[in-house]
Amino acid sequence: MKPSLWKCKDGQVIRIVDMSTDHIVNSMRILERMHTQTLLDMPCPMFQGEMAQMYAEMEFDAYMDSSVEDVYPIYGHLEKELLKRNKKGV
């Protein structure tokens, strides 16, 4: 799926530019909640061995430091379209 396309929960694929502003805002909120929930659900790494523990902690730390857009690149496309509309006063 191209980053300029959004897949709705009913399976329909729609271009971001064709989405309503409310739909864009709601889609961004969904991605934000998913990112936050993943952070909360992520188990603390408990692997055996120093190397396994080190790499698990590095991966855990990387996700903890990530933004919504890092994990869901489409978020940036939604945000860009929303900003464009706000400048136009839509």
PDB file of N, CA and C in Angstrom:
ATOM      1  N   MET A   1       0.850  -1.178   0.000  1.00  0.00           N
ATOM      2  CA  MET A   1       0.000   0.000   0.000  1.00  0.00           C
ATOM      3  C   MET A   1       0.892   1.236   0.000  1.00  0.00           C
ATOM      4  N   LYS A   2       0.622   2.159  -0.888  1.00  0.00           N
ATOM      5  CA  LYS A   2       1.384   3.395  -0.968  1.00  0.00           C
ATOM      6  C   LYS A   2       1.096   4.258   0.263  1.00  0.00           C
ATOM      7  N   PRO A   3       2.085   5.054   0.696  1.00  0.00           N
ATOM      8  CA  PRO A   3       1.870   5.898   1.872  1.00  0.00           C
ATOM      9  C   PRO A   3       0.747   6.912   1.711  1.00  0.00           C
ATOM     10  N   SER A   4       0.370   7.233   0.489  1.00  0.00           N
ATOM     11  CA  SER A   4      -0.690   8.209   0.273  1.00  0.00           C
ATOM     12  C   SER A   4      -2.075   7.565   0.295  1.00  0.00           C
ATOM     13  N   LEU A   5      -2.119   6.279   0.647  1.00  0.00           N
ATOM     14  CA  LEU A   5      -3.378   5.555   0.716  1.00  0.00           C
ATOM     15  C   LEU A   5      -3.639   5.105   2.152  1.00  0.00           C
ATOM     16  N   TRP A   6      -4.893   5.121   2.536  1.00  0.00           N
ATOM     17  CA  TRP A   6      -5.298   4.679   3.870  1.00  0.00           C
ATOM     18  C   TRP A   6      -6.248   3.513   3.711  1.00  0.00           C
ATOM     19  N   LYS A   7      -6.025   2.457   4.476  1.00  0.00           N
ATOM     20  CA  LYS A   7      -6.920   1.306   4.439  1.00  0.00           C
ATOM     21  C   LYS A   7      -7.880   1.413   5.620  1.00  0.00           C
ATOM     22  N   CYS A   8      -9.158   1.511   5.306  1.00  0.00           N
ATOM     23  CA  CYS A   8     -10.196   1.650   6.321  1.00  0.00           C
ATOM     24  C   CYS A   8     -10.443   0.306   7.010  1.00  0.00           C
ATOM     25  N   LYS A   9     -11.093   0.338   8.166  1.00  0.00           N
ATOM     26  CA  LYS A   9     -11.338  -0.899   8.901  1.00  0.00           C
ATOM     27  C   LYS A   9     -12.238  -1.863   8.145  1.00  0.00           C
ATOM     28  N   ASP A  10     -13.031  -1.351   7.198  1.00  0.00           N
ATOM     29  CA  ASP A  10     -13.881  -2.228   6.389  1.00  0.00           C
ATOM     30  C   ASP A  10     -13.134  -2.792   5.180  1.00  0.00           C
ATOM     31  N   GLY A  11     -11.837  -2.462   5.055  1.00  0.00           N
ATOM     32  CA  GLY A  11     -11.004  -2.976   3.969  1.00  0.00           C
ATOM     33  C   GLY A  11     -10.910  -2.059   2.768  1.00  0.00           C
ATOM     34  N   GLN A  12     -11.735  -1.040   2.728  1.00  0.00           N
ATOM     35  CA  GLN A  12     -11.710  -0.088   1.616  1.00  0.00           C
ATOM     36  C   GLN A  12     -10.394   0.699   1.658  1.00  0.00           C
ATOM     37  N   VAL A  13      -9.784   0.894   0.496  1.00  0.00           N
ATOM     38  CA  VAL A  13      -8.564   1.689   0.380  1.00  0.00           C
ATOM     39  C   VAL A  13      -8.942   3.035  -0.226  1.00  0.00           C
ATOM     40  N   ILE A  14      -8.501   4.108   0.427  1.00  0.00           N
ATOM     41  CA  ILE A  14      -8.878   5.455   0.011  1.00  0.00           C
ATOM     42  C   ILE A  14      -7.638   6.343  -0.009  1.00  0.00           C
ATOM     43  N   ARG A  15      -7.599   7.249  -0.963  1.00  0.00           N
ATOM     44  CA  ARG A  15      -6.497   8.216  -1.003  1.00  0.00           C
ATOM     45  C   ARG A  15      -6.668   9.200   0.151  1.00  0.00           C
ATOM     46  N   ILE A  16      -5.569   9.555   0.779  1.00  0.00           N
ATOM     47  CA  ILE A  16      -5.627  10.481   1.904  1.00  0.00           C
ATOM     48  C   ILE A  16      -6.256  11.807   1.489  1.00  0.00           C
ATOM     49  N   VAL A  17      -5.947  12.273   0.292  1.00  0.00           N
ATOM     50  CA  VAL A  17      -6.503  13.555  -0.160  1.00  0.00           C
ATOM     51  C   VAL A  17      -8.020  13.495  -0.331  1.00  0.00           C
ATOM     52  N   ASP A  18      -8.591  12.294  -0.454  1.00  0.00           N
ATOM     53  CA  ASP A  18     -10.035  12.135  -0.604  1.00  0.00           C
ATOM     54  C   ASP A  18     -10.749  11.915   0.733  1.00  0.00           C
ATOM     55  N   MET A  19      -9.992  11.802   1.814  1.00  0.00           N
ATOM     56  CA  MET A  19     -10.578  11.588   3.136  1.00  0.00           C
ATOM     57  C   MET A  19     -11.143  12.896   3.668  1.00  0.00           C
ATOM     58  N   SER A  20     -12.182  12.805   4.468  1.00  0.00           N
ATOM     59  CA  SER A  20     -12.686  14.006   5.138  1.00  0.00           C
ATOM     60  C   SER A  20     -11.677  14.404   6.219  1.00  0.00           C
ATOM     61  N   THR A  21     -11.733  15.657   6.616  1.00  0.00           N
ATOM     62  CA  THR A  21     -10.826  16.131   7.652  1.00  0.00           C
ATOM     63  C   THR A  21     -11.039  15.351   8.943  1.00  0.00           C
ATOM     64  N   ASP A  22     -12.284  15.093   9.300  1.00  0.00           N
ATOM     65  CA  ASP A  22     -12.573  14.301  10.503  1.00  0.00           C
ATOM     66  C   ASP A  22     -11.978  12.899  10.407  1.00  0.00           C
ATOM     67  N   HIS A  23     -12.043  12.317   9.229  1.00  0.00           N
ATOM     68  CA  HIS A  23     -11.493  10.980   9.022  1.00  0.00           C
ATOM     69  C   HIS A  23      -9.974  11.006   9.211  1.00  0.00           C
ATOM     70  N   ILE A  24      -9.318  12.033   8.700  1.00  0.00           N
ATOM     71  CA  ILE A  24      -7.866  12.159   8.870  1.00  0.00           C
ATOM     72  C   ILE A  24      -7.522  12.283  10.349  1.00  0.00           C
ATOM     73  N   VAL A  25      -8.231  13.166  11.046  1.00  0.00           N
ATOM     74  CA  VAL A  25      -7.968  13.371  12.478  1.00  0.00           C
ATOM     75  C   VAL A  25      -8.189  12.076  13.248  1.00  0.00           C
ATOM     76  N   ASN A  26      -9.281  11.380  12.967  1.00  0.00           N
ATOM     77  CA  ASN A  26      -9.558  10.108  13.648  1.00  0.00           C
ATOM     78  C   ASN A  26      -8.506   9.052  13.333  1.00  0.00           C
ATOM     79  N   SER A  27      -8.039   9.021  12.099  1.00  0.00           N
ATOM     80  CA  SER A  27      -7.007   8.055  11.706  1.00  0.00           C
ATOM     81  C   SER A  27      -5.698   8.338  12.444  1.00  0.00           C
ATOM     82  N   MET A  28      -5.363   9.610  12.580  1.00  0.00           N
ATOM     83  CA  MET A  28      -4.156   9.980  13.317  1.00  0.00           C
ATOM     84  C   MET A  28      -4.286   9.583  14.785  1.00  0.00           C
ATOM     85  N   ARG A  29      -5.453   9.777  15.354  1.00  0.00           N
ATOM     86  CA  ARG A  29      -5.685   9.402  16.758  1.00  0.00           C
ATOM     87  C   ARG A  29      -5.560   7.889  16.952  1.00  0.00           C
ATOM     88  N   ILE A  30      -6.054   7.134  15.985  1.00  0.00           N
ATOM     89  CA  ILE A  30      -5.936   5.675  16.064  1.00  0.00           C
ATOM     90  C   ILE A  30      -4.468   5.275  16.101  1.00  0.00           C
ATOM     91  N   LEU A  31      -3.670   5.845  15.197  1.00  0.00           N
ATOM     92  CA  LEU A  31      -2.246   5.505  15.156  1.00  0.00           C
ATOM     93  C   LEU A  31      -1.546   5.924  16.440  1.00  0.00           C
ATOM     94  N   GLU A  32      -1.908   7.080  16.981  1.00  0.00           N
ATOM     95  CA  GLU A  32      -1.316   7.525  18.244  1.00  0.00           C
ATOM     96  C   GLU A  32      -1.654   6.552  19.375  1.00  0.00           C
ATOM     97  N   ARG A  33      -2.925   6.110  19.428  1.00  0.00           N
ATOM     98  CA  ARG A  33      -3.327   5.150  20.467  1.00  0.00           C
ATOM     99  C   ARG A  33      -2.612   3.816  20.296  1.00  0.00           C
ATOM    100  N   MET A  34      -2.483   3.365  19.048  1.00  0.00           N
ATOM    101  CA  MET A  34      -1.790   2.100  18.791  1.00  0.00           C
ATOM    102  C   MET A  34      -0.332   2.186  19.243  1.00  0.00           C
ATOM    103  N   HIS A  35       0.313   3.303  18.955  1.00  0.00           N
ATOM    104  CA  HIS A  35       1.711   3.485  19.349  1.00  0.00           C
ATOM    105  C   HIS A  35       1.834   3.479  20.873  1.00  0.00           C
ATOM    106  N   THR A  36       0.979   4.218  21.542  1.00  0.00           N
ATOM    107  CA  THR A  36       1.004   4.277  23.005  1.00  0.00           C
ATOM    108  C   THR A  36       0.715   2.907  23.605  1.00  0.00           C
ATOM    109  N   GLN A  37      -0.272   2.204  23.064  1.00  0.00           N
ATOM    110  CA  GLN A  37      -0.623   0.884  23.590  1.00  0.00           C
ATOM    111  C   GLN A  37       0.535  -0.088  23.426  1.00  0.00           C
ATOM    112  N   THR A  38       1.241  -0.026  22.305  1.00  0.00           N
ATOM    113  CA  THR A  38       2.389  -0.900  22.095  1.00  0.00           C
ATOM    114  C   THR A  38       3.465  -0.604  23.132  1.00  0.00           C
ATOM    115  N   LEU A  39       3.686   0.677  23.420  1.00  0.00           N
ATOM    116  CA  LEU A  39       4.657   1.037  24.453  1.00  0.00           C
ATOM    117  C   LEU A  39       4.256   0.452  25.803  1.00  0.00           C
ATOM    118  N   LEU A  40       2.968   0.524  26.132  1.00  0.00           N
ATOM    119  CA  LEU A  40       2.491   0.009  27.412  1.00  0.00           C
ATOM    120  C   LEU A  40       2.521  -1.516  27.477  1.00  0.00           C
ATOM    121  N   ASP A  41       2.278  -2.174  26.345  1.00  0.00           N
ATOM    122  CA  ASP A  41       2.225  -3.632  26.300  1.00  0.00           C
ATOM    123  C   ASP A  41       3.590  -4.286  26.155  1.00  0.00           C
ATOM    124  N   MET A  42       4.594  -3.506  25.788  1.00  0.00           N
ATOM    125  CA  MET A  42       5.904  -4.067  25.537  1.00  0.00           C
ATOM    126  C   MET A  42       6.490  -4.648  26.820  1.00  0.00           C
ATOM    127  N   PRO A  43       6.816  -5.928  26.789  1.00  0.00           N
ATOM    128  CA  PRO A  43       7.382  -6.526  28.009  1.00  0.00           C
ATOM    129  C   PRO A  43       8.818  -6.055  28.216  1.00  0.00           C
ATOM    130  N   CYS A  44       9.186  -5.990  29.439  1.00  0.00           N
ATOM    131  CA  CYS A  44      10.576  -5.666  29.753  1.00  0.00           C
ATOM    132  C   CYS A  44      11.410  -6.869  29.320  1.00  0.00           C
ATOM    133  N   PRO A  45      12.481  -6.640  28.570  1.00  0.00           N
ATOM    134  CA  PRO A  45      13.273  -7.766  28.066  1.00  0.00           C
ATOM    135  C   PRO A  45      13.886  -8.591  29.197  1.00  0.00           C
ATOM    136  N   MET A  46      13.709  -9.900  29.130  1.00  0.00           N
ATOM    137  CA  MET A  46      14.251 -10.813  30.138  1.00  0.00           C
ATOM    138  C   MET A  46      14.861 -12.028  29.452  1.00  0.00           C
ATOM    139  N   PHE A  47      15.853 -11.819  28.638  1.00  0.00           N
ATOM    140  CA  PHE A  47      16.497 -12.913  27.920  1.00  0.00           C
ATOM    141  C   PHE A  47      17.691 -13.422  28.716  1.00  0.00           C
ATOM    142  N   GLN A  48      18.113 -14.604  28.393  1.00  0.00           N
ATOM    143  CA  GLN A  48      19.274 -15.209  29.029  1.00  0.00           C
ATOM    144  C   GLN A  48      20.532 -14.799  28.265  1.00  0.00           C
ATOM    145  N   GLY A  49      21.605 -14.633  28.938  1.00  0.00           N
ATOM    146  CA  GLY A  49      22.880 -14.317  28.296  1.00  0.00           C
ATOM    147  C   GLY A  49      23.043 -12.821  28.095  1.00  0.00           C
ATOM    148  N   GLU A  50      24.267 -12.376  28.230  1.00  0.00           N
ATOM    149  CA  GLU A  50      24.544 -10.943  28.157  1.00  0.00           C
ATOM    150  C   GLU A  50      24.249 -10.336  26.786  1.00  0.00           C
ATOM    151  N   MET A  51      24.634 -11.023  25.716  1.00  0.00           N
ATOM    152  CA  MET A  51      24.413 -10.492  24.370  1.00  0.00           C
ATOM    153  C   MET A  51      22.917 -10.419  24.065  1.00  0.00           C
ATOM    154  N   ALA A  52      22.177 -11.450  24.389  1.00  0.00           N
ATOM    155  CA  ALA A  52      20.735 -11.457  24.141  1.00  0.00           C
ATOM    156  C   ALA A  52      20.074 -10.331  24.923  1.00  0.00           C
ATOM    157  N   GLN A  53      20.462 -10.160  26.162  1.00  0.00           N
ATOM    158  CA  GLN A  53      19.896  -9.108  26.999  1.00  0.00           C
ATOM    159  C   GLN A  53      20.226  -7.731  26.430  1.00  0.00           C
ATOM    160  N   MET A  54      21.485  -7.551  26.003  1.00  0.00           N
ATOM    161  CA  MET A  54      21.913  -6.259  25.465  1.00  0.00           C
ATOM    162  C   MET A  54      21.107  -5.890  24.216  1.00  0.00           C
ATOM    163  N   TYR A  55      20.954  -6.843  23.275  1.00  0.00           N
ATOM    164  CA  TYR A  55      20.224  -6.548  22.043  1.00  0.00           C
ATOM    165  C   TYR A  55      18.729  -6.346  22.303  1.00  0.00           C
ATOM    166  N   ALA A  56      18.172  -7.106  23.221  1.00  0.00           N
ATOM    167  CA  ALA A  56      16.765  -6.925  23.562  1.00  0.00           C
ATOM    168  C   ALA A  56      16.548  -5.553  24.187  1.00  0.00           C
ATOM    169  N   GLU A  57      17.443  -5.139  25.053  1.00  0.00           N
ATOM    170  CA  GLU A  57      17.327  -3.820  25.673  1.00  0.00           C
ATOM    171  C   GLU A  57      17.502  -2.702  24.647  1.00  0.00           C
ATOM    172  N   MET A  58      18.394  -2.904  23.676  1.00  0.00           N
ATOM    173  CA  MET A  58      18.587  -1.895  22.623  1.00  0.00           C
ATOM    174  C   MET A  58      17.313  -1.747  21.797  1.00  0.00           C
ATOM    175  N   GLU A  59      16.691  -2.872  21.444  1.00  0.00           N
ATOM    176  CA  GLU A  59      15.458  -2.824  20.656  1.00  0.00           C
ATOM    177  C   GLU A  59      14.326  -2.179  21.464  1.00  0.00           C
ATOM    178  N   PHE A  60      14.227  -2.539  22.732  1.00  0.00           N
ATOM    179  CA  PHE A  60      13.222  -1.969  23.624  1.00  0.00           C
ATOM    180  C   PHE A  60      13.417  -0.455  23.740  1.00  0.00           C
ATOM    181  N   ASP A  61      14.651  -0.020  23.966  1.00  0.00           N
ATOM    182  CA  ASP A  61      14.951   1.408  24.089  1.00  0.00           C
ATOM    183  C   ASP A  61      14.644   2.157  22.801  1.00  0.00           C
ATOM    184  N   ALA A  62      14.961   1.542  21.668  1.00  0.00           N
ATOM    185  CA  ALA A  62      14.698   2.186  20.375  1.00  0.00           C
ATOM    186  C   ALA A  62      13.207   2.426  20.198  1.00  0.00           C
ATOM    187  N   TYR A  63      12.375   1.450  20.562  1.00  0.00           N
ATOM    188  CA  TYR A  63      10.929   1.646  20.428  1.00  0.00           C
ATOM    189  C   TYR A  63      10.433   2.685  21.417  1.00  0.00           C
ATOM    190  N   MET A  64      10.964   2.670  22.614  1.00  0.00           N
ATOM    191  CA  MET A  64      10.549   3.641  23.635  1.00  0.00           C
ATOM    192  C   MET A  64      10.851   5.071  23.178  1.00  0.00           C
ATOM    193  N   ASP A  65      11.924   5.237  22.415  1.00  0.00           N
ATOM    194  CA  ASP A  65      12.318   6.559  21.919  1.00  0.00           C
ATOM    195  C   ASP A  65      11.660   6.914  20.591  1.00  0.00           C
ATOM    196  N   SER A  66      10.894   5.997  20.031  1.00  0.00           N
ATOM    197  CA  SER A  66      10.315   6.225  18.704  1.00  0.00           C
ATOM    198  C   SER A  66       9.100   7.135  18.789  1.00  0.00           C
ATOM    199  N   SER A  67       8.804   7.739  17.647  1.00  0.00           N
ATOM    200  CA  SER A  67       7.592   8.548  17.527  1.00  0.00           C
ATOM    201  C   SER A  67       6.546   7.735  16.774  1.00  0.00           C
ATOM    202  N   VAL A  68       5.344   8.250  16.740  1.00  0.00           N
ATOM    203  CA  VAL A  68       4.268   7.586  15.985  1.00  0.00           C
ATOM    204  C   VAL A  68       4.687   7.453  14.523  1.00  0.00           C
ATOM    205  N   GLU A  69       5.263   8.512  13.971  1.00  0.00           N
ATOM    206  CA  GLU A  69       5.653   8.486  12.556  1.00  0.00           C
ATOM    207  C   GLU A  69       6.790   7.503  12.282  1.00  0.00           C
ATOM    208  N   ASP A  70       7.672   7.300  13.259  1.00  0.00           N
ATOM    209  CA  ASP A  70       8.740   6.314  13.080  1.00  0.00           C
ATOM    210  C   ASP A  70       8.156   4.918  12.872  1.00  0.00           C
ATOM    211  N   VAL A  71       7.109   4.607  13.618  1.00  0.00           N
ATOM    212  CA  VAL A  71       6.506   3.279  13.573  1.00  0.00           C
ATOM    213  C   VAL A  71       5.463   3.176  12.458  1.00  0.00           C
ATOM    214  N   TYR A  72       4.712   4.253  12.244  1.00  0.00           N
ATOM    215  CA  TYR A  72       3.663   4.287  11.223  1.00  0.00           C
ATOM    216  C   TYR A  72       3.950   5.449  10.269  1.00  0.00           C
ATOM    217  N   PRO A  73       4.771   5.236   9.233  1.00  0.00           N
ATOM    218  CA  PRO A  73       5.141   6.327   8.321  1.00  0.00           C
ATOM    219  C   PRO A  73       3.950   7.044   7.684  1.00  0.00           C
ATOM    220  N   ILE A  74       2.815   6.376   7.564  1.00  0.00           N
ATOM    221  CA  ILE A  74       1.641   7.014   6.961  1.00  0.00           C
ATOM    222  C   ILE A  74       1.159   8.186   7.814  1.00  0.00           C
ATOM    223  N   TYR A  75       1.502   8.196   9.100  1.00  0.00           N
ATOM    224  CA  TYR A  75       1.094   9.272   9.999  1.00  0.00           C
ATOM    225  C   TYR A  75       1.560  10.621   9.449  1.00  0.00           C
ATOM    226  N   GLY A  76       2.766  10.670   8.927  1.00  0.00           N
ATOM    227  CA  GLY A  76       3.297  11.911   8.359  1.00  0.00           C
ATOM    228  C   GLY A  76       2.494  12.392   7.163  1.00  0.00           C
ATOM    229  N   HIS A  77       2.006  11.466   6.356  1.00  0.00           N
ATOM    230  CA  HIS A  77       1.191  11.826   5.190  1.00  0.00           C
ATOM    231  C   HIS A  77      -0.170  12.377   5.637  1.00  0.00           C
ATOM    232  N   LEU A  78      -0.736  11.752   6.669  1.00  0.00           N
ATOM    233  CA  LEU A  78      -2.003  12.255   7.216  1.00  0.00           C
ATOM    234  C   LEU A  78      -1.805  13.652   7.802  1.00  0.00           C
ATOM    235  N   GLU A  79      -0.724  13.809   8.556  1.00  0.00           N
ATOM    236  CA  GLU A  79      -0.436  15.100   9.188  1.00  0.00           C
ATOM    237  C   GLU A  79      -0.198  16.191   8.144  1.00  0.00           C
ATOM    238  N   LYS A  80       0.525  15.850   7.095  1.00  0.00           N
ATOM    239  CA  LYS A  80       0.807  16.812   6.023  1.00  0.00           C
ATOM    240  C   LYS A  80      -0.485  17.286   5.361  1.00  0.00           C
ATOM    241  N   GLU A  81      -1.389  16.359   5.077  1.00  0.00           N
ATOM    242  CA  GLU A  81      -2.672  16.713   4.455  1.00  0.00           C
ATOM    243  C   GLU A  81      -3.500  17.574   5.402  1.00  0.00           C
ATOM    244  N   LEU A  82      -3.506  17.242   6.679  1.00  0.00           N
ATOM    245  CA  LEU A  82      -4.261  18.025   7.658  1.00  0.00           C
ATOM    246  C   LEU A  82      -3.701  19.445   7.757  1.00  0.00           C
ATOM    247  N   LEU A  83      -2.391  19.578   7.791  1.00  0.00           N
ATOM    248  CA  LEU A  83      -1.772  20.912   7.850  1.00  0.00           C
ATOM    249  C   LEU A  83      -2.087  21.724   6.595  1.00  0.00           C
ATOM    250  N   LYS A  84      -2.069  21.053   5.441  1.00  0.00           N
ATOM    251  CA  LYS A  84      -2.395  21.722   4.187  1.00  0.00           C
ATOM    252  C   LYS A  84      -3.827  22.265   4.231  1.00  0.00           C
ATOM    253  N   ARG A  85      -4.739  21.455   4.760  1.00  0.00           N
ATOM    254  CA  ARG A  85      -6.136  21.886   4.853  1.00  0.00           C
ATOM    255  C   ARG A  85      -6.297  23.008   5.860  1.00  0.00           C
ATOM    256  N   ASN A  86      -5.594  22.955   6.952  1.00  0.00           N
ATOM    257  CA  ASN A  86      -5.691  24.021   7.966  1.00  0.00           C
ATOM    258  C   ASN A  86      -5.184  25.357   7.428  1.00  0.00           C
ATOM    259  N   LYS A  87      -4.178  25.308   6.572  1.00  0.00           N
ATOM    260  CA  LYS A  87      -3.672  26.550   5.958  1.00  0.00           C
ATOM    261  C   LYS A  87      -4.690  27.152   4.998  1.00  0.00           C
ATOM    262  N   LYS A  88      -5.449  26.257   4.350  1.00  0.00           N
ATOM    263  CA  LYS A  88      -6.475  26.721   3.409  1.00  0.00           C
ATOM    264  C   LYS A  88      -7.757  27.144   4.127  1.00  0.00           C
ATOM    265  N   GLY A  89      -7.855  26.795   5.409  1.00  0.00           N
ATOM    266  CA  GLY A  89      -9.051  27.130   6.161  1.00  0.00           C
ATOM    267  C   GLY A  89     -10.209  26.188   5.930  1.00  0.00           C
ATOM    268  N   VAL A  90      -9.905  24.958   5.521  1.00  0.00           N
ATOM    269  CA  VAL A  90     -10.945  23.945   5.254  1.00  0.00           C
ATOM    270  C   VAL A  90     -11.423  23.360   6.549  1.00  0.00           C
TER     271      VAL A  90
END
